[in-house]
Full PDB file with SEQRES, HELIX, SHEET, SSBOND, CRYST1, ORIGX, SCALE, CONECT and MASTER records, all heavy atoms in Angstrom:
SEQRES   1 A   42  THR ALA ALA ALA GLU ALA LEU LEU ALA SER ALA ARG ARG          
SEQRES   2 A   42  ALA GLY ALA VAL VAL HIS THR HIS GLU ARG VAL THR GLY          
SEQRES   3 A   42  LEU LEU ARG ARG ALA ASP GLY SER ALA ARG ALA VAL ARG          
SEQRES   4 A   42  THR GLU ARG                                                  
HELIX    1 AA1 ALA A    2  ARG A   13  1                                  12    
SHEET    1 AA1 2 VAL A  24  ARG A  29  0                                        
SHEET    2 AA1 2 ALA A  35  THR A  40 -1                                        
CRYST1    1.000    1.000    1.000  90.00  90.00  90.00 P 1           1          
ORIGX1      1.000000  0.000000  0.000000        0.00000                         
ORIGX2      0.000000  1.000000  0.000000        0.00000                         
ORIGX3      0.000000  0.000000  1.000000        0.00000                         
SCALE1      1.000000  0.000000  0.000000        0.00000                         
SCALE2      0.000000  1.000000  0.000000        0.00000                         
SCALE3      0.000000  0.000000  1.000000        0.00000                         
ATOM      1  N   THR A   1     -11.882  18.143  14.497  1.00  0.00           N  
ATOM      2  CA  THR A   1     -11.601  17.736  13.052  1.00  0.00           C  
ATOM      3  C   THR A   1     -10.550  18.718  12.481  1.00  0.00           C  
ATOM      4  O   THR A   1      -9.638  18.359  11.777  1.00  0.00           O  
ATOM      5  CB  THR A   1     -12.907  17.539  12.243  1.00  0.00           C  
ATOM      6  OG1 THR A   1     -13.742  16.678  12.916  1.00  0.00           O  
ATOM      7  CG2 THR A   1     -12.483  17.001  10.905  1.00  0.00           C  
ATOM      8  N   ALA A   2     -10.966  20.062  12.722  1.00  0.00           N  
ATOM      9  CA  ALA A   2     -10.107  21.049  12.125  1.00  0.00           C  
ATOM     10  C   ALA A   2      -8.722  21.085  12.724  1.00  0.00           C  
ATOM     11  O   ALA A   2      -7.625  21.179  12.000  1.00  0.00           O  
ATOM     12  CB  ALA A   2     -10.687  22.411  12.420  1.00  0.00           C  
ATOM     13  N   ALA A   3      -8.593  20.707  14.005  1.00  0.00           N  
ATOM     14  CA  ALA A   3      -7.291  20.613  14.624  1.00  0.00           C  
ATOM     15  C   ALA A   3      -6.610  19.451  14.143  1.00  0.00           C  
ATOM     16  O   ALA A   3      -5.313  19.596  13.855  1.00  0.00           O  
ATOM     17  CB  ALA A   3      -7.484  20.403  16.091  1.00  0.00           C  
ATOM     18  N   ALA A   4      -7.137  18.231  13.836  1.00  0.00           N  
ATOM     19  CA  ALA A   4      -6.480  17.129  13.383  1.00  0.00           C  
ATOM     20  C   ALA A   4      -5.970  17.433  11.914  1.00  0.00           C  
ATOM     21  O   ALA A   4      -4.752  17.049  11.570  1.00  0.00           O  
ATOM     22  CB  ALA A   4      -7.401  15.902  13.386  1.00  0.00           C  
ATOM     23  N   GLU A   5      -6.812  18.067  11.216  1.00  0.00           N  
ATOM     24  CA  GLU A   5      -6.388  18.373   9.821  1.00  0.00           C  
ATOM     25  C   GLU A   5      -5.287  19.373   9.720  1.00  0.00           C  
ATOM     26  O   GLU A   5      -4.334  19.285   8.910  1.00  0.00           O  
ATOM     27  CB  GLU A   5      -7.568  18.898   9.049  1.00  0.00           C  
ATOM     28  CG  GLU A   5      -8.638  17.880   8.723  1.00  0.00           C  
ATOM     29  CD  GLU A   5      -8.305  17.005   7.649  1.00  0.00           C  
ATOM     30  OE1 GLU A   5      -7.173  17.009   7.111  1.00  0.00           O  
ATOM     31  OE2 GLU A   5      -9.219  16.075   7.278  1.00  0.00           O  
ATOM     32  N   ALA A   6      -5.221  20.326  10.694  1.00  0.00           N  
ATOM     33  CA  ALA A   6      -4.109  21.254  10.697  1.00  0.00           C  
ATOM     34  C   ALA A   6      -2.883  20.645  11.162  1.00  0.00           C  
ATOM     35  O   ALA A   6      -1.804  20.927  10.558  1.00  0.00           O  
ATOM     36  CB  ALA A   6      -4.436  22.446  11.682  1.00  0.00           C  
ATOM     37  N   LEU A   7      -2.921  19.781  12.112  1.00  0.00           N  
ATOM     38  CA  LEU A   7      -1.714  18.978  12.472  1.00  0.00           C  
ATOM     39  C   LEU A   7      -1.182  18.171  11.424  1.00  0.00           C  
ATOM     40  O   LEU A   7       0.060  17.994  11.211  1.00  0.00           O  
ATOM     41  CB  LEU A   7      -2.044  18.130  13.727  1.00  0.00           C  
ATOM     42  CG  LEU A   7      -2.351  18.831  15.118  1.00  0.00           C  
ATOM     43  CD1 LEU A   7      -2.922  17.976  16.088  1.00  0.00           C  
ATOM     44  CD2 LEU A   7      -1.068  19.499  15.598  1.00  0.00           C  
ATOM     45  N   LEU A   8      -1.960  17.452  10.594  1.00  0.00           N  
ATOM     46  CA  LEU A   8      -1.556  16.695   9.478  1.00  0.00           C  
ATOM     47  C   LEU A   8      -0.927  17.551   8.284  1.00  0.00           C  
ATOM     48  O   LEU A   8      -0.048  17.088   7.811  1.00  0.00           O  
ATOM     49  CB  LEU A   8      -2.700  15.860   8.934  1.00  0.00           C  
ATOM     50  CG  LEU A   8      -3.127  14.525   9.538  1.00  0.00           C  
ATOM     51  CD1 LEU A   8      -4.251  13.888   8.851  1.00  0.00           C  
ATOM     52  CD2 LEU A   8      -1.875  13.578   9.550  1.00  0.00           C  
ATOM     53  N   ALA A   9      -1.547  18.734   8.209  1.00  0.00           N  
ATOM     54  CA  ALA A   9      -0.999  19.611   7.142  1.00  0.00           C  
ATOM     55  C   ALA A   9       0.415  20.029   7.635  1.00  0.00           C  
ATOM     56  O   ALA A   9       1.371  20.191   6.771  1.00  0.00           O  
ATOM     57  CB  ALA A   9      -1.947  20.836   6.997  1.00  0.00           C  
ATOM     58  N   SER A  10       0.539  20.295   8.865  1.00  0.00           N  
ATOM     59  CA  SER A  10       1.920  20.656   9.312  1.00  0.00           C  
ATOM     60  C   SER A  10       2.919  19.551   9.158  1.00  0.00           C  
ATOM     61  O   SER A  10       4.037  19.691   8.838  1.00  0.00           O  
ATOM     62  CB  SER A  10       1.823  21.049  10.767  1.00  0.00           C  
ATOM     63  OG  SER A  10       3.132  21.293  11.306  1.00  0.00           O  
ATOM     64  N   ALA A  11       2.417  18.276   9.448  1.00  0.00           N  
ATOM     65  CA  ALA A  11       3.210  17.196   9.262  1.00  0.00           C  
ATOM     66  C   ALA A  11       3.628  16.961   7.824  1.00  0.00           C  
ATOM     67  O   ALA A  11       4.867  16.628   7.580  1.00  0.00           O  
ATOM     68  CB  ALA A  11       2.540  15.913   9.829  1.00  0.00           C  
ATOM     69  N   ARG A  12       2.750  17.184   6.933  1.00  0.00           N  
ATOM     70  CA  ARG A  12       3.043  17.050   5.546  1.00  0.00           C  
ATOM     71  C   ARG A  12       4.096  18.117   5.094  1.00  0.00           C  
ATOM     72  O   ARG A  12       5.073  17.841   4.331  1.00  0.00           O  
ATOM     73  CB  ARG A  12       1.799  17.250   4.692  1.00  0.00           C  
ATOM     74  CG  ARG A  12       0.786  16.071   4.685  1.00  0.00           C  
ATOM     75  CD  ARG A  12      -0.249  16.256   3.660  1.00  0.00           C  
ATOM     76  NE  ARG A  12      -1.224  15.183   3.603  1.00  0.00           N  
ATOM     77  CZ  ARG A  12      -2.371  15.202   4.247  1.00  0.00           C  
ATOM     78  NH1 ARG A  12      -2.795  16.234   4.956  1.00  0.00           N  
ATOM     79  NH2 ARG A  12      -3.194  14.129   4.065  1.00  0.00           N  
ATOM     80  N   ARG A  13       3.970  19.363   5.634  1.00  0.00           N  
ATOM     81  CA  ARG A  13       4.925  20.346   5.280  1.00  0.00           C  
ATOM     82  C   ARG A  13       6.337  19.883   5.746  1.00  0.00           C  
ATOM     83  O   ARG A  13       7.340  20.343   5.098  1.00  0.00           O  
ATOM     84  CB  ARG A  13       4.574  21.617   5.857  1.00  0.00           C  
ATOM     85  CG  ARG A  13       3.301  22.351   5.302  1.00  0.00           C  
ATOM     86  CD  ARG A  13       2.890  23.618   6.065  1.00  0.00           C  
ATOM     87  NE  ARG A  13       3.897  24.581   6.176  1.00  0.00           N  
ATOM     88  CZ  ARG A  13       4.167  25.631   5.341  1.00  0.00           C  
ATOM     89  NH1 ARG A  13       3.334  25.717   4.221  1.00  0.00           N  
ATOM     90  NH2 ARG A  13       5.135  26.412   5.503  1.00  0.00           N  
ATOM     91  N   ALA A  14       6.398  19.122   6.854  1.00  0.00           N  
ATOM     92  CA  ALA A  14       7.681  18.659   7.383  1.00  0.00           C  
ATOM     93  C   ALA A  14       8.178  17.435   6.764  1.00  0.00           C  
ATOM     94  O   ALA A  14       9.224  16.774   7.130  1.00  0.00           O  
ATOM     95  CB  ALA A  14       7.663  18.497   8.888  1.00  0.00           C  
ATOM     96  N   GLY A  15       7.411  16.918   5.705  1.00  0.00           N  
ATOM     97  CA  GLY A  15       7.772  15.712   4.972  1.00  0.00           C  
ATOM     98  C   GLY A  15       7.008  14.465   5.163  1.00  0.00           C  
ATOM     99  O   GLY A  15       7.303  13.473   4.472  1.00  0.00           O  
ATOM    100  N   ALA A  16       6.030  14.487   6.026  1.00  0.00           N  
ATOM    101  CA  ALA A  16       5.323  13.313   6.273  1.00  0.00           C  
ATOM    102  C   ALA A  16       4.431  12.898   5.072  1.00  0.00           C  
ATOM    103  O   ALA A  16       3.949  13.740   4.301  1.00  0.00           O  
ATOM    104  CB  ALA A  16       4.478  13.413   7.530  1.00  0.00           C  
ATOM    105  N   VAL A  17       4.269  11.702   4.885  1.00  0.00           N  
ATOM    106  CA  VAL A  17       3.394  11.162   3.791  1.00  0.00           C  
ATOM    107  C   VAL A  17       2.246  10.404   4.435  1.00  0.00           C  
ATOM    108  O   VAL A  17       2.404   9.629   5.342  1.00  0.00           O  
ATOM    109  CB  VAL A  17       4.162  10.180   2.945  1.00  0.00           C  
ATOM    110  CG1 VAL A  17       3.229   9.573   1.827  1.00  0.00           C  
ATOM    111  CG2 VAL A  17       5.325  10.807   2.238  1.00  0.00           C  
ATOM    112  N   VAL A  18       0.912  10.683   3.955  1.00  0.00           N  
ATOM    113  CA  VAL A  18      -0.259  10.148   4.577  1.00  0.00           C  
ATOM    114  C   VAL A  18      -0.954   9.218   3.587  1.00  0.00           C  
ATOM    115  O   VAL A  18      -1.228   9.666   2.363  1.00  0.00           O  
ATOM    116  CB  VAL A  18      -1.179  11.231   4.958  1.00  0.00           C  
ATOM    117  CG1 VAL A  18      -2.410  10.684   5.624  1.00  0.00           C  
ATOM    118  CG2 VAL A  18      -0.517  12.213   6.017  1.00  0.00           C  
ATOM    119  N   HIS A  19      -1.199   7.966   3.961  1.00  0.00           N  
ATOM    120  CA  HIS A  19      -2.007   7.112   3.206  1.00  0.00           C  
ATOM    121  C   HIS A  19      -3.309   6.714   3.871  1.00  0.00           C  
ATOM    122  O   HIS A  19      -3.274   6.219   5.004  1.00  0.00           O  
ATOM    123  CB  HIS A  19      -1.218   5.746   3.098  1.00  0.00           C  
ATOM    124  CG  HIS A  19       0.073   5.852   2.292  1.00  0.00           C  
ATOM    125  ND1 HIS A  19       0.246   5.813   0.977  1.00  0.00           N  
ATOM    126  CD2 HIS A  19       1.421   6.072   2.833  1.00  0.00           C  
ATOM    127  CE1 HIS A  19       1.469   6.010   0.614  1.00  0.00           C  
ATOM    128  NE2 HIS A  19       2.221   6.183   1.697  1.00  0.00           N  
ATOM    129  N   THR A  20      -4.413   7.095   3.168  1.00  0.00           N  
ATOM    130  CA  THR A  20      -5.687   6.771   3.820  1.00  0.00           C  
ATOM    131  C   THR A  20      -6.415   5.587   3.135  1.00  0.00           C  
ATOM    132  O   THR A  20      -5.854   5.161   2.002  1.00  0.00           O  
ATOM    133  CB  THR A  20      -6.623   7.960   3.706  1.00  0.00           C  
ATOM    134  OG1 THR A  20      -6.722   8.434   2.353  1.00  0.00           O  
ATOM    135  CG2 THR A  20      -6.072   9.125   4.505  1.00  0.00           C  
ATOM    136  N   HIS A  21      -7.336   5.033   3.728  1.00  0.00           N  
ATOM    137  CA  HIS A  21      -8.054   3.874   3.216  1.00  0.00           C  
ATOM    138  C   HIS A  21      -7.152   2.677   2.920  1.00  0.00           C  
ATOM    139  O   HIS A  21      -7.167   2.026   1.861  1.00  0.00           O  
ATOM    140  CB  HIS A  21      -8.898   4.216   1.984  1.00  0.00           C  
ATOM    141  CG  HIS A  21      -9.824   5.312   2.225  1.00  0.00           C  
ATOM    142  ND1 HIS A  21     -11.104   5.145   2.878  1.00  0.00           N  
ATOM    143  CD2 HIS A  21      -9.833   6.707   1.888  1.00  0.00           C  
ATOM    144  CE1 HIS A  21     -11.720   6.314   2.966  1.00  0.00           C  
ATOM    145  NE2 HIS A  21     -10.917   7.210   2.442  1.00  0.00           N  
ATOM    146  N   GLU A  22      -6.277   2.565   3.777  1.00  0.00           N  
ATOM    147  CA  GLU A  22      -5.306   1.455   3.807  1.00  0.00           C  
ATOM    148  C   GLU A  22      -5.131   0.751   5.159  1.00  0.00           C  
ATOM    149  O   GLU A  22      -4.697   1.417   6.081  1.00  0.00           O  
ATOM    150  CB  GLU A  22      -3.884   1.899   3.321  1.00  0.00           C  
ATOM    151  CG  GLU A  22      -2.855   0.734   3.129  1.00  0.00           C  
ATOM    152  CD  GLU A  22      -1.650   1.300   2.463  1.00  0.00           C  
ATOM    153  OE1 GLU A  22      -1.499   2.489   2.059  1.00  0.00           O  
ATOM    154  OE2 GLU A  22      -0.764   0.427   2.271  1.00  0.00           O  
ATOM    155  N   ARG A  23      -5.657  -0.468   5.223  1.00  0.00           N  
ATOM    156  CA  ARG A  23      -5.612  -1.214   6.519  1.00  0.00           C  
ATOM    157  C   ARG A  23      -4.406  -1.956   6.818  1.00  0.00           C  
ATOM    158  O   ARG A  23      -3.791  -2.642   6.033  1.00  0.00           O  
ATOM    159  CB  ARG A  23      -6.825  -2.251   6.552  1.00  0.00           C  
ATOM    160  CG  ARG A  23      -7.065  -2.824   7.913  1.00  0.00           C  
ATOM    161  CD  ARG A  23      -8.055  -4.009   7.778  1.00  0.00           C  
ATOM    162  NE  ARG A  23      -9.420  -3.381   7.365  1.00  0.00           N  
ATOM    163  CZ  ARG A  23     -10.297  -3.042   8.165  1.00  0.00           C  
ATOM    164  NH1 ARG A  23     -10.121  -3.101   9.464  1.00  0.00           N  
ATOM    165  NH2 ARG A  23     -11.510  -2.550   7.815  1.00  0.00           N  
ATOM    166  N   VAL A  24      -3.814  -1.751   8.039  1.00  0.00           N  
ATOM    167  CA  VAL A  24      -2.656  -2.437   8.459  1.00  0.00           C  
ATOM    168  C   VAL A  24      -3.024  -3.833   8.931  1.00  0.00           C  
ATOM    169  O   VAL A  24      -3.943  -3.901   9.739  1.00  0.00           O  
ATOM    170  CB  VAL A  24      -1.893  -1.689   9.530  1.00  0.00           C  
ATOM    171  CG1 VAL A  24      -0.733  -2.519  10.227  1.00  0.00           C  
ATOM    172  CG2 VAL A  24      -1.263  -0.377   9.042  1.00  0.00           C  
ATOM    173  N   THR A  25      -2.380  -4.895   8.368  1.00  0.00           N  
ATOM    174  CA  THR A  25      -2.759  -6.238   8.687  1.00  0.00           C  
ATOM    175  C   THR A  25      -1.716  -6.922   9.565  1.00  0.00           C  
ATOM    176  O   THR A  25      -2.062  -8.095  10.061  1.00  0.00           O  
ATOM    177  CB  THR A  25      -3.016  -6.981   7.434  1.00  0.00           C  
ATOM    178  OG1 THR A  25      -1.800  -7.041   6.597  1.00  0.00           O  
ATOM    179  CG2 THR A  25      -4.201  -6.487   6.654  1.00  0.00           C  
ATOM    180  N   GLY A  26      -0.569  -6.510   9.735  1.00  0.00           N  
ATOM    181  CA  GLY A  26       0.411  -7.270  10.457  1.00  0.00           C  
ATOM    182  C   GLY A  26       1.685  -6.521  10.489  1.00  0.00           C  
ATOM    183  O   GLY A  26       1.843  -5.425  10.014  1.00  0.00           O  
ATOM    184  N   LEU A  27       2.721  -7.158  11.160  1.00  0.00           N  
ATOM    185  CA  LEU A  27       4.050  -6.648  11.310  1.00  0.00           C  
ATOM    186  C   LEU A  27       5.091  -7.615  10.881  1.00  0.00           C  
ATOM    187  O   LEU A  27       5.110  -8.770  11.054  1.00  0.00           O  
ATOM    188  CB  LEU A  27       4.255  -6.365  12.814  1.00  0.00           C  
ATOM    189  CG  LEU A  27       5.624  -5.696  13.198  1.00  0.00           C  
ATOM    190  CD1 LEU A  27       5.546  -4.243  12.789  1.00  0.00           C  
ATOM    191  CD2 LEU A  27       5.894  -5.802  14.772  1.00  0.00           C  
ATOM    192  N   LEU A  28       5.996  -7.087  10.016  1.00  0.00           N  
ATOM    193  CA  LEU A  28       7.222  -7.857   9.564  1.00  0.00           C  
ATOM    194  C   LEU A  28       8.409  -7.517  10.483  1.00  0.00           C  
ATOM    195  O   LEU A  28       8.564  -6.416  10.846  1.00  0.00           O  
ATOM    196  CB  LEU A  28       7.580  -7.513   8.142  1.00  0.00           C  
ATOM    197  CG  LEU A  28       6.437  -7.645   7.171  1.00  0.00           C  
ATOM    198  CD1 LEU A  28       6.926  -7.286   5.711  1.00  0.00           C  
ATOM    199  CD2 LEU A  28       6.061  -9.128   7.118  1.00  0.00           C  
ATOM    200  N   ARG A  29       9.148  -8.653  10.902  1.00  0.00           N  
ATOM    201  CA  ARG A  29      10.201  -8.398  11.915  1.00  0.00           C  
ATOM    202  C   ARG A  29      11.531  -8.882  11.376  1.00  0.00           C  
ATOM    203  O   ARG A  29      11.532  -9.701  10.517  1.00  0.00           O  
ATOM    204  CB  ARG A  29       9.810  -9.131  13.260  1.00  0.00           C  
ATOM    205  CG  ARG A  29       8.565  -8.682  13.828  1.00  0.00           C  
ATOM    206  CD  ARG A  29       8.462  -9.210  15.247  1.00  0.00           C  
ATOM    207  NE  ARG A  29       7.129  -9.612  15.613  1.00  0.00           N  
ATOM    208  CZ  ARG A  29       6.881 -10.236  16.722  1.00  0.00           C  
ATOM    209  NH1 ARG A  29       7.808 -10.473  17.615  1.00  0.00           N  
ATOM    210  NH2 ARG A  29       5.563 -10.559  17.020  1.00  0.00           N  
ATOM    211  N   ARG A  30      12.574  -8.241  11.943  1.00  0.00           N  
ATOM    212  CA  ARG A  30      13.941  -8.782  11.723  1.00  0.00           C  
ATOM    213  C   ARG A  30      14.180 -10.065  12.499  1.00  0.00           C  
ATOM    214  O   ARG A  30      13.311 -10.467  13.227  1.00  0.00           O  
ATOM    215  CB  ARG A  30      14.844  -7.642  12.025  1.00  0.00           C  
ATOM    216  CG  ARG A  30      14.611  -6.266  11.290  1.00  0.00           C  
ATOM    217  CD  ARG A  30      15.721  -5.349  11.633  1.00  0.00           C  
ATOM    218  NE  ARG A  30      15.722  -4.145  10.772  1.00  0.00           N  
ATOM    219  CZ  ARG A  30      14.952  -3.054  10.992  1.00  0.00           C  
ATOM    220  NH1 ARG A  30      14.178  -3.042  12.225  1.00  0.00           N  
ATOM    221  NH2 ARG A  30      14.821  -2.133  10.215  1.00  0.00           N  
ATOM    222  N   ALA A  31      15.380 -10.521  12.207  1.00  0.00           N  
ATOM    223  CA  ALA A  31      15.728 -11.836  12.855  1.00  0.00           C  
ATOM    224  C   ALA A  31      15.767 -11.687  14.339  1.00  0.00           C  
ATOM    225  O   ALA A  31      15.489 -12.657  15.113  1.00  0.00           O  
ATOM    226  CB  ALA A  31      17.082 -12.301  12.359  1.00  0.00           C  
ATOM    227  N   ASP A  32      16.008 -10.468  14.936  1.00  0.00           N  
ATOM    228  CA  ASP A  32      16.079 -10.384  16.326  1.00  0.00           C  
ATOM    229  C   ASP A  32      14.724 -10.011  16.957  1.00  0.00           C  
ATOM    230  O   ASP A  32      14.624  -9.735  18.090  1.00  0.00           O  
ATOM    231  CB  ASP A  32      17.092  -9.230  16.701  1.00  0.00           C  
ATOM    232  CG  ASP A  32      16.617  -7.800  16.108  1.00  0.00           C  
ATOM    233  OD1 ASP A  32      15.642  -7.748  15.389  1.00  0.00           O  
ATOM    234  OD2 ASP A  32      17.380  -6.821  16.362  1.00  0.00           O  
ATOM    235  N   GLY A  33      13.662 -10.018  16.134  1.00  0.00           N  
ATOM    236  CA  GLY A  33      12.238  -9.775  16.534  1.00  0.00           C  
ATOM    237  C   GLY A  33      11.762  -8.419  16.571  1.00  0.00           C  
ATOM    238  O   GLY A  33      10.676  -8.091  16.825  1.00  0.00           O  
ATOM    239  N   SER A  34      12.699  -7.455  16.132  1.00  0.00           N  
ATOM    240  CA  SER A  34      12.287  -6.010  16.128  1.00  0.00           C  
ATOM    241  C   SER A  34      11.547  -5.745  14.841  1.00  0.00           C  
ATOM    242  O   SER A  34      11.558  -6.519  13.867  1.00  0.00           O  
ATOM    243  CB  SER A  34      13.612  -5.130  16.176  1.00  0.00           C  
ATOM    244  OG  SER A  34      14.436  -5.377  15.039  1.00  0.00           O  
ATOM    245  N   ALA A  35      10.831  -4.625  14.854  1.00  0.00           N  
ATOM    246  CA  ALA A  35       9.935  -4.217  13.767  1.00  0.00           C  
ATOM    247  C   ALA A  35      10.840  -3.891  12.520  1.00  0.00           C  
ATOM    248  O   ALA A  35      11.826  -3.285  12.660  1.00  0.00           O  
ATOM    249  CB  ALA A  35       9.197  -3.023  14.125  1.00  0.00           C  
ATOM    250  N   ARG A  36      10.387  -4.359  11.409  1.00  0.00           N  
ATOM    251  CA  ARG A  36      11.011  -4.017  10.120  1.00  0.00           C  
ATOM    252  C   ARG A  36      10.076  -3.351   9.161  1.00  0.00           C  
ATOM    253  O   ARG A  36      10.575  -2.518   8.394  1.00  0.00           O  
ATOM    254  CB  ARG A  36      11.499  -5.361   9.506  1.00  0.00           C  
ATOM    255  CG  ARG A  36      12.190  -5.217   8.146  1.00  0.00           C  
ATOM    256  CD  ARG A  36      12.783  -6.602   7.572  1.00  0.00           C  
ATOM    257  NE  ARG A  36      11.802  -7.446   7.224  1.00  0.00           N  
ATOM    258  CZ  ARG A  36      11.066  -7.547   6.090  1.00  0.00           C  
ATOM    259  NH1 ARG A  36      11.245  -6.602   5.223  1.00  0.00           N  
ATOM    260  NH2 ARG A  36      10.098  -8.392   5.850  1.00  0.00           N  
ATOM    261  N   ALA A  37       8.792  -3.664   9.207  1.00  0.00           N  
ATOM    262  CA  ALA A  37       7.798  -3.065   8.328  1.00  0.00           C  
ATOM    263  C   ALA A  37       6.473  -3.448   8.773  1.00  0.00           C  
ATOM    264  O   ALA A  37       6.201  -4.391   9.489  1.00  0.00           O  
ATOM    265  CB  ALA A  37       8.069  -3.574   6.927  1.00  0.00           C  
ATOM    266  N   VAL A  38       5.533  -2.595   8.420  1.00  0.00           N  
ATOM    267  CA  VAL A  38       4.083  -2.956   8.571  1.00  0.00           C  
ATOM    268  C   VAL A  38       3.547  -3.529   7.248  1.00  0.00           C  
ATOM    269  O   VAL A  38       3.795  -3.134   6.223  1.00  0.00           O  
ATOM    270  CB  VAL A  38       3.208  -1.813   9.075  1.00  0.00           C  
ATOM    271  CG1 VAL A  38       3.613  -1.368  10.399  1.00  0.00           C  
ATOM    272  CG2 VAL A  38       3.237  -0.659   8.036  1.00  0.00           C  
ATOM    273  N   ARG A  39       2.766  -4.562   7.440  1.00  0.00           N  
ATOM    274  CA  ARG A  39       2.067  -5.210   6.188  1.00  0.00           C  
ATOM    275  C   ARG A  39       0.678  -4.621   6.137  1.00  0.00           C  
ATOM    276  O   ARG A  39       0.028  -4.464   7.190  1.00  0.00           O  
ATOM    277  CB  ARG A  39       2.010  -6.719   6.392  1.00  0.00           C  
ATOM    278  CG  ARG A  39       1.473  -7.397   5.282  1.00  0.00           C  
ATOM    279  CD  ARG A  39       1.611  -8.970   5.332  1.00  0.00           C  
ATOM    280  NE  ARG A  39       0.942  -9.426   6.627  1.00  0.00           N  
ATOM    281  CZ  ARG A  39       1.520  -9.986   7.634  1.00  0.00           C  
ATOM    282  NH1 ARG A  39       2.889 -10.014   7.778  1.00  0.00           N  
ATOM    283  NH2 ARG A  39       0.821 -10.418   8.713  1.00  0.00           N  
ATOM    284  N   THR A  40       0.200  -4.215   4.980  1.00  0.00           N  
ATOM    285  CA  THR A  40      -1.080  -3.676   4.716  1.00  0.00           C  
ATOM    286  C   THR A  40      -1.741  -4.564   3.643  1.00  0.00           C  
ATOM    287  O   THR A  40      -1.217  -5.377   2.999  1.00  0.00           O  
ATOM    288  CB  THR A  40      -1.026  -2.198   4.419  1.00  0.00           C  
ATOM    289  OG1 THR A  40      -0.659  -2.128   2.864  1.00  0.00           O  
ATOM    290  CG2 THR A  40      -0.088  -1.478   5.160  1.00  0.00           C  
ATOM    291  N   GLU A  41      -3.027  -4.082   3.395  1.00  0.00           N  
ATOM    292  CA  GLU A  41      -3.687  -4.781   2.255  1.00  0.00           C  
ATOM    293  C   GLU A  41      -3.118  -4.566   0.905  1.00  0.00           C  
ATOM    294  O   GLU A  41      -3.368  -5.228   0.032  1.00  0.00           O  
ATOM    295  CB  GLU A  41      -5.210  -4.322   2.320  1.00  0.00           C  
ATOM    296  CG  GLU A  41      -5.920  -4.667   3.597  1.00  0.00           C  
ATOM    297  CD  GLU A  41      -7.305  -4.096   3.812  1.00  0.00           C  
ATOM    298  OE1 GLU A  41      -7.385  -2.860   3.241  1.00  0.00           O  
ATOM    299  OE2 GLU A  41      -8.195  -4.727   4.244  1.00  0.00           O  
ATOM    300  N   ARG A  42      -2.364  -3.481   0.818  1.00  0.00           N  
ATOM    301  CA  ARG A  42      -1.704  -3.100  -0.476  1.00  0.00           C  
ATOM    302  C   ARG A  42      -0.302  -3.517  -0.572  1.00  0.00           C  
ATOM    303  O   ARG A  42       0.365  -3.433  -1.666  1.00  0.00           O  
ATOM    304  CB  ARG A  42      -1.850  -1.645  -0.604  1.00  0.00           C  
ATOM    305  CG  ARG A  42      -3.194  -1.020  -0.634  1.00  0.00           C  
ATOM    306  CD  ARG A  42      -3.202   0.441  -0.837  1.00  0.00           C  
ATOM    307  NE  ARG A  42      -4.415   1.066  -0.547  1.00  0.00           N  
ATOM    308  CZ  ARG A  42      -4.723   2.433  -0.513  1.00  0.00           C  
ATOM    309  NH1 ARG A  42      -3.732   3.216  -0.672  1.00  0.00           N  
ATOM    310  NH2 ARG A  42      -5.967   2.879  -0.282  1.00  0.00           N  
TER     311      ARG A  42                                                      
MASTER        0    0    0    1    2    0    0    6  310    1    0    4          
END                                                                             
């Protein structure tokens, strides 16, 4: 747990944004079928 938290803290320092308690429900795609966005409950 400490290792995971440290890795996330390092990711945040490099600019990552973390959203917790948010469930991914699907994938939005472009016309060619590639990923465009993830859909969540929010």
